[in-house]
């Protein structure tokens, strides 16, 4: 009890000193308190009265909305951020409707569909990425984020050693990887591995062998999508690792064929006379 009394006395003295400040005195007067006779208990009771007097259904909805708004500032991924933002906007819009604040009501009501559209786009993107890991390696689900470009026969998409700044999705025509002789038909993805290389340099040359159209996606945009959702980033890594495995298998097959050809040529040669 004595420690409580001592604390109350200390707080009362602090308040007395603070009340000597003209600005603080004005605030106390506005709160309905006497600056010359202020105590901690009186201040606490007055603040409690003000809080209880202002507790309305509209303010409660606004308080919950503010909690969800603060939560969005602490989130690192886009999907839960969008969900929390939508919940917060719902509470703020309800608060505006209950309090008769038309501006707040319309503002947060407008933000709801915007967040819903962005959330749907992100969920759709993640779903498409997941589907791609289960067999669809065309990555056509990135089309809404890409721009169109046309090439004629003999044009080069990029040369070995060029700076890699974008990936390609072939729509029509044919494109040849010159170093390994692999031809990409429509629906193929080209140049996505440059996104993951340390120096972002092209390791091969790709040439157009038949007039065609491609869709391009800049690495800056891909990076934005990549970091917006870690789940999408994971599936993109699965996609690219799958392509690396395919390239490795193709290389092994080429080596096996070459070894078989060399063995056949060696077997078909006549015996060479030994020299002393």
Protein backbone atom coordinates (compact mmCIF):
# COMPACT_ATOMS: atom_id res chain seq x y z
CA UNK A 1 0.00 0.00 0.00
CA UNK A 2 2.82 2.41 0.85
CA UNK A 3 4.49 1.85 -2.52
CA UNK A 4 1.19 2.58 -4.28
CA UNK A 5 0.75 5.76 -2.27
CA UNK A 6 4.31 6.85 -3.05
CA UNK A 7 3.75 6.27 -6.76
CA UNK A 8 0.50 8.24 -6.69
CA UNK A 9 2.24 11.09 -4.88
CA UNK A 10 5.06 11.14 -7.43
CA UNK A 11 2.59 11.20 -10.32
CA UNK A 12 0.63 14.02 -8.67
CA UNK A 13 3.81 16.08 -8.32
CA UNK A 14 4.69 15.45 -12.00
CA UNK A 15 1.22 16.61 -12.99
CA UNK A 16 1.55 19.73 -10.84
CA UNK A 17 4.80 20.62 -12.58
CA UNK A 18 3.30 19.87 -16.01
CA UNK A 19 0.27 22.02 -15.24
CA UNK A 20 2.57 25.02 -14.89
CA UNK A 21 3.16 24.78 -18.66
CA UNK A 22 0.68 27.06 -20.45
CA UNK A 23 -0.06 24.64 -23.29
CA UNK A 24 -0.66 21.71 -20.96
CA UNK A 25 -2.85 23.93 -18.79
CA UNK A 26 -5.00 24.80 -21.80
CA UNK A 27 -5.39 21.12 -22.64
CA UNK A 28 -6.43 20.36 -19.07
CA UNK A 29 -9.00 23.17 -19.17
CA UNK A 30 -10.40 21.80 -22.45
CA UNK A 31 -10.71 18.41 -20.75
CA UNK A 32 -12.74 20.02 -17.96
CA UNK A 33 -10.02 19.85 -15.32
CA UNK A 34 -8.65 22.52 -12.99
CA UNK A 35 -4.89 23.00 -13.71
CA UNK A 36 -4.33 24.44 -10.22
CA UNK A 37 -5.79 21.37 -8.54
CA UNK A 38 -4.91 18.39 -10.70
CA UNK A 39 -4.23 14.88 -9.44
CA UNK A 40 -3.43 11.59 -11.12
CA UNK A 41 -6.74 10.06 -9.99
CA UNK A 42 -8.72 13.00 -11.33
CA UNK A 43 -6.91 12.83 -14.69
CA UNK A 44 -7.45 9.06 -14.97
CA UNK A 45 -11.15 9.36 -14.09
CA UNK A 46 -11.65 12.13 -16.65
CA UNK A 47 -9.90 10.16 -19.41
CA UNK A 48 -12.05 7.14 -18.58
CA UNK A 49 -15.17 9.29 -18.81
CA UNK A 50 -14.10 10.60 -22.22
CA UNK A 51 -13.40 7.08 -23.53
CA UNK A 52 -16.71 5.71 -22.24
CA UNK A 53 -18.60 8.67 -23.67
CA UNK A 54 -17.11 8.09 -27.11
CA UNK A 55 -17.59 4.34 -27.29
CA UNK A 56 -20.01 3.87 -30.17
CA UNK A 57 -20.56 1.04 -32.60
CA UNK A 58 -19.04 3.13 -35.40
CA UNK A 59 -15.89 3.82 -33.38
CA UNK A 60 -15.54 0.14 -32.46
CA UNK A 61 -15.64 -0.80 -36.14
CA UNK A 62 -13.07 1.91 -36.89
CA UNK A 63 -10.81 0.58 -34.10
CA UNK A 64 -10.89 -2.97 -35.50
CA UNK A 65 -10.25 -1.60 -38.99
CA UNK A 66 -7.23 0.30 -37.69
CA UNK A 67 -5.86 -2.90 -36.11
CA UNK A 68 -6.06 -4.71 -39.45
CA UNK A 69 -4.49 -1.72 -41.21
CA UNK A 70 -1.51 -1.81 -38.84
CA UNK A 71 -1.28 -5.57 -39.44
CA UNK A 72 -0.83 -4.96 -43.19
CA UNK A 73 2.26 -2.85 -42.44
CA UNK A 74 3.85 -5.80 -40.61
CA UNK A 75 3.21 -8.43 -43.30
CA UNK A 76 5.93 -9.45 -45.76
CA UNK A 77 3.87 -11.36 -48.34
CA UNK A 78 1.16 -10.05 -50.65
CA UNK A 79 -1.65 -12.59 -50.25
CA UNK A 80 -2.19 -12.21 -46.47
CA UNK A 81 -1.58 -8.46 -46.84
CA UNK A 82 -4.41 -8.18 -49.36
CA UNK A 83 -6.73 -10.25 -47.18
CA UNK A 84 -6.00 -8.13 -44.09
CA UNK A 85 -6.46 -4.96 -46.13
CA UNK A 86 -9.85 -6.15 -47.38
CA UNK A 87 -10.99 -6.96 -43.83
CA UNK A 88 -9.79 -3.57 -42.61
CA UNK A 89 -11.56 -1.77 -45.47
CA UNK A 90 -14.77 -3.62 -44.62
CA UNK A 91 -14.64 -2.41 -41.01
CA UNK A 92 -13.74 1.16 -42.04
CA UNK A 93 -16.56 1.28 -44.61
CA UNK A 94 -19.03 -0.01 -42.00
CA UNK A 95 -17.79 2.60 -39.55
CA UNK A 96 -18.29 5.33 -42.15
CA UNK A 97 -21.82 4.13 -42.86
CA UNK A 98 -22.76 4.00 -39.16
CA UNK A 99 -21.29 7.43 -38.42
CA UNK A 100 -22.73 9.03 -41.54
CA UNK A 101 -19.29 9.86 -42.95
CA UNK A 102 -20.00 9.46 -46.66
CA UNK A 103 -16.41 10.21 -47.77
CA UNK A 104 -14.91 7.43 -45.64
CA UNK A 105 -17.66 5.02 -46.61
CA UNK A 106 -17.13 5.57 -50.36
CA UNK A 107 -13.32 5.53 -50.09
CA UNK A 108 -13.07 2.17 -48.34
CA UNK A 109 -15.93 0.73 -50.34
CA UNK A 110 -13.93 1.54 -53.50
CA UNK A 111 -10.75 -0.04 -52.08
CA UNK A 112 -12.52 -3.35 -51.48
CA UNK A 113 -12.92 -4.46 -55.13
CA UNK A 114 -9.43 -3.17 -56.00
CA UNK A 115 -7.88 -5.38 -53.34
CA UNK A 116 -10.15 -8.27 -54.33
CA UNK A 117 -9.02 -8.05 -57.97
CA UNK A 118 -5.34 -7.95 -57.00
CA UNK A 119 -5.80 -10.86 -54.62
CA UNK A 120 -7.54 -12.91 -57.32
CA UNK A 121 -4.71 -12.19 -59.77
CA UNK A 122 -2.07 -13.30 -57.26
CA UNK A 123 -3.95 -16.48 -56.31
CA UNK A 124 -4.45 -17.29 -59.98
CA UNK A 125 -0.75 -16.74 -60.64
CA UNK A 126 0.25 -19.09 -57.81
CA UNK A 127 -2.25 -21.73 -58.99
CA UNK A 128 -0.92 -21.56 -62.54
CA UNK A 129 2.62 -21.89 -61.27
CA UNK A 130 1.63 -24.95 -59.25
CA UNK A 131 -0.06 -26.49 -62.29
CA UNK A 132 3.07 -25.84 -64.31
CA UNK A 133 5.15 -27.95 -61.94
CA UNK A 134 2.76 -30.85 -62.56
CA UNK A 135 3.45 -31.02 -66.27
CA UNK A 136 2.57 -27.76 -68.01
CA UNK A 137 6.01 -26.28 -68.72
CA UNK A 138 4.83 -23.79 -71.37
CA UNK A 139 4.38 -20.99 -68.81
CA UNK A 140 1.54 -19.56 -70.90
CA UNK A 141 -0.04 -18.36 -67.65
CA UNK A 142 2.41 -15.44 -67.77
CA UNK A 143 0.85 -14.05 -70.98
CA UNK A 144 -1.12 -11.28 -69.20
CA UNK A 145 2.19 -9.87 -67.92
CA UNK A 146 4.03 -10.03 -71.29
CA UNK A 147 4.36 -7.82 -74.39
CA UNK A 148 4.25 -8.89 -78.04
CA UNK A 149 7.20 -8.83 -80.44
CA UNK A 150 7.67 -10.15 -84.00
CA UNK A 151 10.76 -11.67 -85.65
CA UNK A 152 11.62 -12.59 -89.23
CA UNK A 153 13.68 -15.51 -90.48
CA UNK A 154 17.36 -14.84 -89.80
CA UNK A 155 16.74 -12.44 -86.91
CA UNK A 156 18.48 -13.21 -83.65
CA UNK A 157 16.63 -13.04 -80.36
CA UNK A 158 19.97 -12.76 -78.58
CA UNK A 159 23.62 -13.75 -78.98
CA UNK A 160 25.90 -15.66 -76.68
CA UNK A 161 27.46 -13.25 -74.19
CA UNK A 162 24.68 -10.64 -74.49
CA UNK A 163 23.27 -9.08 -71.35
CA UNK A 164 20.13 -11.04 -70.38
CA UNK A 165 17.23 -8.71 -69.57
CA UNK A 166 14.11 -10.65 -70.58
CA UNK A 167 12.60 -14.06 -71.25
CA UNK A 168 10.54 -15.16 -74.26
CA UNK A 169 7.46 -17.28 -74.90
CA UNK A 170 7.18 -18.37 -78.54
CA UNK A 171 3.69 -18.02 -80.05
CA UNK A 172 4.30 -18.75 -83.73
CA UNK A 173 7.35 -19.59 -85.86
CA UNK A 174 10.47 -21.58 -85.01
CA UNK A 175 13.61 -20.59 -83.12
CA UNK A 176 16.94 -22.42 -83.11
CA UNK A 177 19.52 -22.63 -80.33
CA UNK A 178 22.58 -22.64 -82.58
CA UNK A 179 25.18 -24.09 -80.21
CA UNK A 180 23.25 -27.30 -79.51
CA UNK A 181 20.98 -27.43 -82.56
CA UNK A 182 17.72 -27.50 -80.56
CA UNK A 183 14.68 -25.98 -82.27
CA UNK A 184 11.92 -24.39 -80.18
CA UNK A 185 8.38 -24.67 -81.60
CA UNK A 186 5.42 -22.46 -80.58
CA UNK A 187 4.65 -22.59 -76.87
CA UNK A 188 8.29 -22.81 -75.77
CA UNK A 189 9.98 -20.65 -73.18
CA UNK A 190 13.39 -19.23 -74.05
CA UNK A 191 15.86 -17.25 -71.95
CA UNK A 192 14.32 -17.75 -68.52
CA UNK A 193 17.51 -19.24 -67.09
CA UNK A 194 19.33 -15.93 -67.55
CA UNK A 195 17.14 -14.62 -64.73
CA UNK A 196 19.01 -16.87 -62.28
CA UNK A 197 22.58 -16.58 -63.54
CA UNK A 198 24.92 -14.44 -61.39
CA UNK A 199 26.10 -12.17 -64.24
CA UNK A 200 22.87 -12.29 -66.30
CA UNK A 201 24.70 -13.19 -69.51
CA UNK A 202 23.39 -15.31 -72.37
CA UNK A 203 25.14 -18.67 -72.66
CA UNK A 204 23.81 -19.50 -76.15
CA UNK A 205 22.58 -17.84 -79.35
CA UNK A 206 18.95 -18.14 -80.47
CA UNK A 207 17.99 -17.40 -84.08
CA UNK A 208 14.61 -17.20 -85.79
CA UNK A 209 14.39 -19.91 -88.51
CA UNK A 210 10.77 -19.22 -89.45
CA UNK A 211 8.86 -15.92 -89.23
CA UNK A 212 7.10 -15.81 -85.89
CA UNK A 213 5.79 -13.95 -82.91
CA UNK A 214 6.94 -14.06 -79.30
CA UNK A 215 5.83 -12.62 -75.99
CA UNK A 216 8.50 -11.04 -73.81
CA UNK A 217 8.70 -10.52 -70.07
CA UNK A 218 11.34 -8.20 -68.63
CA UNK A 219 13.36 -9.57 -65.72
CA UNK A 220 12.37 -6.51 -63.66
CA UNK A 221 8.71 -7.50 -63.96
CA UNK A 222 9.52 -11.15 -63.32
CA UNK A 223 11.51 -10.15 -60.24
CA UNK A 224 8.53 -8.16 -58.97
CA UNK A 225 6.22 -11.15 -59.40
CA UNK A 226 8.85 -13.43 -57.90
CA UNK A 227 9.15 -11.45 -54.67
CA UNK A 228 5.46 -10.63 -54.34
CA UNK A 229 4.75 -14.19 -53.33
CA UNK A 230 7.35 -16.68 -52.01
CA UNK A 231 5.18 -19.58 -53.15
CA UNK A 232 5.36 -18.38 -56.73
CA UNK A 233 9.12 -18.00 -56.35
CA UNK A 234 9.37 -21.61 -55.20
CA UNK A 235 7.41 -22.90 -58.17
CA UNK A 236 9.44 -20.81 -60.59
CA UNK A 237 12.61 -22.41 -59.21
CA UNK A 238 11.02 -25.82 -59.70
CA UNK A 239 10.25 -24.90 -63.30
CA UNK A 240 13.76 -23.73 -64.08
CA UNK A 241 15.37 -26.69 -62.33
CA UNK A 242 13.17 -28.96 -64.45
CA UNK A 243 14.45 -27.27 -67.57
CA UNK A 244 18.04 -27.70 -66.40
CA UNK A 245 17.41 -31.40 -65.89
CA UNK A 246 15.91 -31.65 -69.40
CA UNK A 247 18.94 -29.90 -70.87
CA UNK A 248 21.26 -32.21 -68.95
CA UNK A 249 19.38 -35.29 -70.21
CA UNK A 250 19.56 -33.99 -73.78
CA UNK A 251 23.30 -33.46 -73.39
CA UNK A 252 23.76 -36.98 -72.05
CA UNK A 253 21.82 -38.40 -75.00
CA UNK A 254 23.98 -36.45 -77.45
CA UNK A 255 27.15 -37.72 -75.77
CA UNK A 256 25.86 -41.30 -75.88
CA UNK A 257 25.04 -41.02 -79.58
CA UNK A 258 28.46 -39.52 -80.30
CA UNK A 259 30.21 -42.29 -78.39
CA UNK A 260 28.20 -44.93 -80.25
CA UNK A 261 29.07 -43.33 -83.59
CA UNK A 262 32.78 -43.21 -82.73
CA UNK A 263 32.68 -46.85 -81.63
CA UNK A 264 31.03 -47.89 -84.91
CA UNK A 265 33.58 -45.96 -86.96
CA UNK A 266 36.44 -47.51 -85.01
CA UNK A 267 35.01 -51.01 -85.50
CA UNK A 268 34.55 -50.42 -89.23
CA UNK A 269 38.16 -49.33 -89.81
CA UNK A 270 40.61 -51.91 -91.21
CA UNK A 271 43.41 -52.95 -88.86
CA UNK A 272 46.44 -50.72 -88.89
CA UNK A 273 49.85 -52.42 -89.31
CA UNK A 274 52.10 -52.10 -86.34
CA UNK A 275 55.29 -50.14 -86.78
CA UNK A 276 58.61 -51.10 -85.23
